[in-house]
Amino acid sequence: METMTSFYPVVMTTDAAASARFFQDHFGFTQTFAADWYVSLVRDGSEVAFLASDHPTIPAGFGATARGLLLNVEVDDARAAHERLVVDGGLECVLTLRDEPFGQRHFILVAPGGVLVDVIEPIEPSPEFAAAFA
């Protein structure tokens, strides 16, 4: 098998620049490449790119936007992130901050183009879920 040199999501969206700006402005990503149809970002070794869903390289019938996709952003303090992004920043939050028994404190935002962003802080899981972790 060939050597894998990179792996990252490329999210199809109606506005690649606006989607990228969201991650630059709110999560500190920096741009590594930008065209009017494609923007690539990086932060601390994590990469994500945004592609215009109507770009001619997309095969016919596959130009849908990011429905069904959830991008996870793991942070060290979900409460502080919620305060900064939702309470103070006014971003659209479709799942309010909450603790889950499977070991997450999280909330879900909507980025431009309808991309869902799950902001997650790992927490201690309940005993019933603790056994599921390797």
C-alpha atoms as a PDB file:
ATOM      1  CA  MET A   1       0.000   0.000   0.000  1.00  0.00           C
ATOM      2  CA  GLU A   2       1.233   3.511  -0.813  1.00  0.00           C
ATOM      3  CA  THR A   3       2.310   5.914   1.931  1.00  0.00           C
ATOM      4  CA  MET A   4      -0.395   8.334   3.046  1.00  0.00           C
ATOM      5  CA  THR A   5       1.003  11.853   3.246  1.00  0.00           C
ATOM      6  CA  SER A   6      -2.091  13.715   4.451  1.00  0.00           C
ATOM      7  CA  PHE A   7      -5.777  13.306   5.239  1.00  0.00           C
ATOM      8  CA  TYR A   8      -8.250  16.152   5.768  1.00  0.00           C
ATOM      9  CA  PRO A   9     -11.867  17.024   5.009  1.00  0.00           C
ATOM     10  CA  VAL A  10     -12.821  19.218   2.073  1.00  0.00           C
ATOM     11  CA  VAL A  11     -16.277  20.610   2.750  1.00  0.00           C
ATOM     12  CA  MET A  12     -18.480  21.588  -0.191  1.00  0.00           C
ATOM     13  CA  THR A  13     -20.303  24.827   0.514  1.00  0.00           C
ATOM     14  CA  THR A  14     -22.093  27.626  -1.324  1.00  0.00           C
ATOM     15  CA  ASP A  15     -19.457  30.158  -0.187  1.00  0.00           C
ATOM     16  CA  ALA A  16     -15.951  28.791   0.394  1.00  0.00           C
ATOM     17  CA  ALA A  17     -14.557  32.159   1.499  1.00  0.00           C
ATOM     18  CA  ALA A  18     -17.272  32.768   4.113  1.00  0.00           C
ATOM     19  CA  SER A  19     -16.947  29.236   5.478  1.00  0.00           C
ATOM     20  CA  ALA A  20     -13.171  29.639   5.771  1.00  0.00           C
ATOM     21  CA  ARG A  21     -13.495  33.064   7.430  1.00  0.00           C
ATOM     22  CA  PHE A  22     -15.732  31.483  10.080  1.00  0.00           C
ATOM     23  CA  PHE A  23     -12.955  29.068  11.094  1.00  0.00           C
ATOM     24  CA  GLN A  24     -10.281  31.762  10.860  1.00  0.00           C
ATOM     25  CA  ASP A  25     -12.242  34.281  12.936  1.00  0.00           C
ATOM     26  CA  HIS A  26     -13.618  31.942  15.585  1.00  0.00           C
ATOM     27  CA  PHE A  27     -11.098  29.088  15.854  1.00  0.00           C
ATOM     28  CA  GLY A  28      -7.768  30.648  14.878  1.00  0.00           C
ATOM     29  CA  PHE A  29      -7.130  28.744  11.648  1.00  0.00           C
ATOM     30  CA  THR A  30      -4.747  30.295   9.128  1.00  0.00           C
ATOM     31  CA  GLN A  31      -5.066  30.230   5.381  1.00  0.00           C
ATOM     32  CA  THR A  32      -2.609  28.141   3.353  1.00  0.00           C
ATOM     33  CA  PHE A  33      -4.268  28.592  -0.062  1.00  0.00           C
ATOM     34  CA  ALA A  34      -7.148  30.692  -1.361  1.00  0.00           C
ATOM     35  CA  ALA A  35      -8.978  30.994  -4.644  1.00  0.00           C
ATOM     36  CA  ASP A  36     -12.548  32.170  -5.186  1.00  0.00           C
ATOM     37  CA  TRP A  37     -13.666  28.514  -5.282  1.00  0.00           C
ATOM     38  CA  TYR A  38     -11.336  26.815  -2.722  1.00  0.00           C
ATOM     39  CA  VAL A  39      -9.778  27.808   0.602  1.00  0.00           C
ATOM     40  CA  SER A  40      -7.443  25.619   2.649  1.00  0.00           C
ATOM     41  CA  LEU A  41      -6.796  26.222   6.365  1.00  0.00           C
ATOM     42  CA  VAL A  42      -4.497  24.853   9.064  1.00  0.00           C
ATOM     43  CA  ARG A  43      -4.118  25.159  12.821  1.00  0.00           C
ATOM     44  CA  ASP A  44      -1.782  23.165  15.040  1.00  0.00           C
ATOM     45  CA  GLY A  45      -1.501  20.355  12.494  1.00  0.00           C
ATOM     46  CA  SER A  46      -5.247  20.154  11.846  1.00  0.00           C
ATOM     47  CA  GLU A  47      -6.410  20.918   8.318  1.00  0.00           C
ATOM     48  CA  VAL A  48      -9.740  21.664   6.676  1.00  0.00           C
ATOM     49  CA  ALA A  49     -10.628  23.046   3.256  1.00  0.00           C
ATOM     50  CA  PHE A  50     -13.769  24.525   1.713  1.00  0.00           C
ATOM     51  CA  LEU A  51     -14.777  24.042  -1.910  1.00  0.00           C
ATOM     52  CA  ALA A  52     -17.533  25.776  -3.882  1.00  0.00           C
ATOM     53  CA  SER A  53     -20.194  23.136  -4.476  1.00  0.00           C
ATOM     54  CA  ASP A  54     -20.686  24.341  -8.064  1.00  0.00           C
ATOM     55  CA  HIS A  55     -17.020  24.031  -9.080  1.00  0.00           C
ATOM     56  CA  PRO A  56     -16.515  22.237 -12.420  1.00  0.00           C
ATOM     57  CA  THR A  57     -14.289  19.547 -10.850  1.00  0.00           C
ATOM     58  CA  ILE A  58     -17.276  18.190  -8.907  1.00  0.00           C
ATOM     59  CA  PRO A  59     -18.842  15.298 -10.859  1.00  0.00           C
ATOM     60  CA  ALA A  60     -22.399  15.836 -12.080  1.00  0.00           C
ATOM     61  CA  GLY A  61     -24.970  15.027  -9.413  1.00  0.00           C
ATOM     62  CA  PHE A  62     -22.530  15.381  -6.503  1.00  0.00           C
ATOM     63  CA  GLY A  63     -22.538  19.165  -5.982  1.00  0.00           C
ATOM     64  CA  ALA A  64     -24.546  19.129  -2.773  1.00  0.00           C
ATOM     65  CA  THR A  65     -23.408  21.167   0.187  1.00  0.00           C
ATOM     66  CA  ALA A  66     -22.396  19.838   3.591  1.00  0.00           C
ATOM     67  CA  ARG A  67     -25.705  18.336   4.755  1.00  0.00           C
ATOM     68  CA  GLY A  68     -25.055  15.321   6.945  1.00  0.00           C
ATOM     69  CA  LEU A  69     -21.572  16.488   7.909  1.00  0.00           C
ATOM     70  CA  LEU A  70     -20.489  17.437  11.423  1.00  0.00           C
ATOM     71  CA  LEU A  71     -17.052  18.974  11.993  1.00  0.00           C
ATOM     72  CA  ASN A  72     -15.687  18.448  15.517  1.00  0.00           C
ATOM     73  CA  VAL A  73     -13.517  21.090  17.150  1.00  0.00           C
ATOM     74  CA  GLU A  74     -12.085  19.747  20.400  1.00  0.00           C
ATOM     75  CA  VAL A  75     -11.213  22.380  23.018  1.00  0.00           C
ATOM     76  CA  ASP A  76      -9.945  22.373  26.593  1.00  0.00           C
ATOM     77  CA  ASP A  77     -12.905  24.428  27.935  1.00  0.00           C
ATOM     78  CA  ALA A  78     -16.289  24.150  26.195  1.00  0.00           C
ATOM     79  CA  ARG A  79     -17.970  26.490  28.696  1.00  0.00           C
ATOM     80  CA  ALA A  80     -15.485  29.269  27.906  1.00  0.00           C
ATOM     81  CA  ALA A  81     -15.848  28.614  24.158  1.00  0.00           C
ATOM     82  CA  HIS A  82     -19.644  28.761  24.468  1.00  0.00           C
ATOM     83  CA  GLU A  83     -19.417  32.058  26.337  1.00  0.00           C
ATOM     84  CA  ARG A  84     -17.063  33.543  23.727  1.00  0.00           C
ATOM     85  CA  LEU A  85     -18.798  32.250  20.604  1.00  0.00           C
ATOM     86  CA  VAL A  86     -22.500  32.133  21.512  1.00  0.00           C
ATOM     87  CA  VAL A  87     -23.172  34.385  24.516  1.00  0.00           C
ATOM     88  CA  ASP A  88     -20.731  37.171  23.596  1.00  0.00           C
ATOM     89  CA  GLY A  89     -20.243  36.431  19.894  1.00  0.00           C
ATOM     90  CA  GLY A  90     -23.866  35.823  18.918  1.00  0.00           C
ATOM     91  CA  LEU A  91     -23.166  32.795  16.723  1.00  0.00           C
ATOM     92  CA  GLU A  92     -26.083  30.535  15.841  1.00  0.00           C
ATOM     93  CA  CYS A  93     -26.199  27.629  18.294  1.00  0.00           C
ATOM     94  CA  VAL A  94     -28.488  24.711  17.385  1.00  0.00           C
ATOM     95  CA  LEU A  95     -27.579  22.481  20.343  1.00  0.00           C
ATOM     96  CA  THR A  96     -27.016  24.271  23.614  1.00  0.00           C
ATOM     97  CA  LEU A  97     -24.085  23.540  25.906  1.00  0.00           C
ATOM     98  CA  ARG A  98     -24.611  20.271  27.728  1.00  0.00           C
ATOM     99  CA  ASP A  99     -22.825  17.295  29.285  1.00  0.00           C
ATOM    100  CA  GLU A 100     -23.298  13.901  27.682  1.00  0.00           C
ATOM    101  CA  PRO A 101     -22.959  10.552  29.508  1.00  0.00           C
ATOM    102  CA  PHE A 102     -20.668   9.307  26.721  1.00  0.00           C
ATOM    103  CA  GLY A 103     -17.951  11.733  27.852  1.00  0.00           C
ATOM    104  CA  GLN A 104     -18.488  15.066  26.140  1.00  0.00           C
ATOM    105  CA  ARG A 105     -19.387  18.585  27.180  1.00  0.00           C
ATOM    106  CA  HIS A 106     -20.399  20.232  23.915  1.00  0.00           C
ATOM    107  CA  PHE A 107     -22.556  22.545  21.842  1.00  0.00           C
ATOM    108  CA  ILE A 108     -23.239  22.759  18.106  1.00  0.00           C
ATOM    109  CA  LEU A 109     -22.901  25.863  15.925  1.00  0.00           C
ATOM    110  CA  VAL A 110     -23.954  26.542  12.346  1.00  0.00           C
ATOM    111  CA  ALA A 111     -21.191  27.903  10.101  1.00  0.00           C
ATOM    112  CA  PRO A 112     -21.815  29.544   6.709  1.00  0.00           C
ATOM    113  CA  GLY A 113     -23.125  27.131   4.095  1.00  0.00           C
ATOM    114  CA  GLY A 114     -25.014  25.135   6.729  1.00  0.00           C
ATOM    115  CA  VAL A 115     -21.905  23.372   8.072  1.00  0.00           C
ATOM    116  CA  LEU A 116     -22.470  22.054  11.611  1.00  0.00           C
ATOM    117  CA  VAL A 117     -19.592  22.556  14.048  1.00  0.00           C
ATOM    118  CA  ASP A 118     -19.596  20.512  17.270  1.00  0.00           C
ATOM    119  CA  VAL A 119     -17.401  22.208  19.879  1.00  0.00           C
ATOM    120  CA  ILE A 120     -16.345  19.450  22.295  1.00  0.00           C
ATOM    121  CA  GLU A 121     -14.533  19.155  25.608  1.00  0.00           C
ATOM    122  CA  PRO A 122     -13.818  15.573  26.656  1.00  0.00           C
ATOM    123  CA  ILE A 123     -15.138  14.856  30.168  1.00  0.00           C
ATOM    124  CA  GLU A 124     -15.355  11.740  32.320  1.00  0.00           C
ATOM    125  CA  PRO A 125     -17.923   9.330  30.836  1.00  0.00           C
ATOM    126  CA  SER A 126     -20.599   7.661  32.923  1.00  0.00           C
ATOM    127  CA  PRO A 127     -19.753   4.140  34.131  1.00  0.00           C
ATOM    128  CA  GLU A 128     -21.960   2.593  31.446  1.00  0.00           C
ATOM    129  CA  PHE A 129     -19.911   4.294  28.678  1.00  0.00           C
ATOM    130  CA  ALA A 130     -16.477   4.087  30.338  1.00  0.00           C
ATOM    131  CA  ALA A 131     -16.201   0.417  29.402  1.00  0.00           C
ATOM    132  CA  ALA A 132     -16.621   1.254  25.712  1.00  0.00           C
ATOM    133  CA  PHE A 133     -13.366   3.225  25.577  1.00  0.00           C
ATOM    134  CA  ALA A 134     -10.222   1.362  24.531  1.00  0.00           C
END
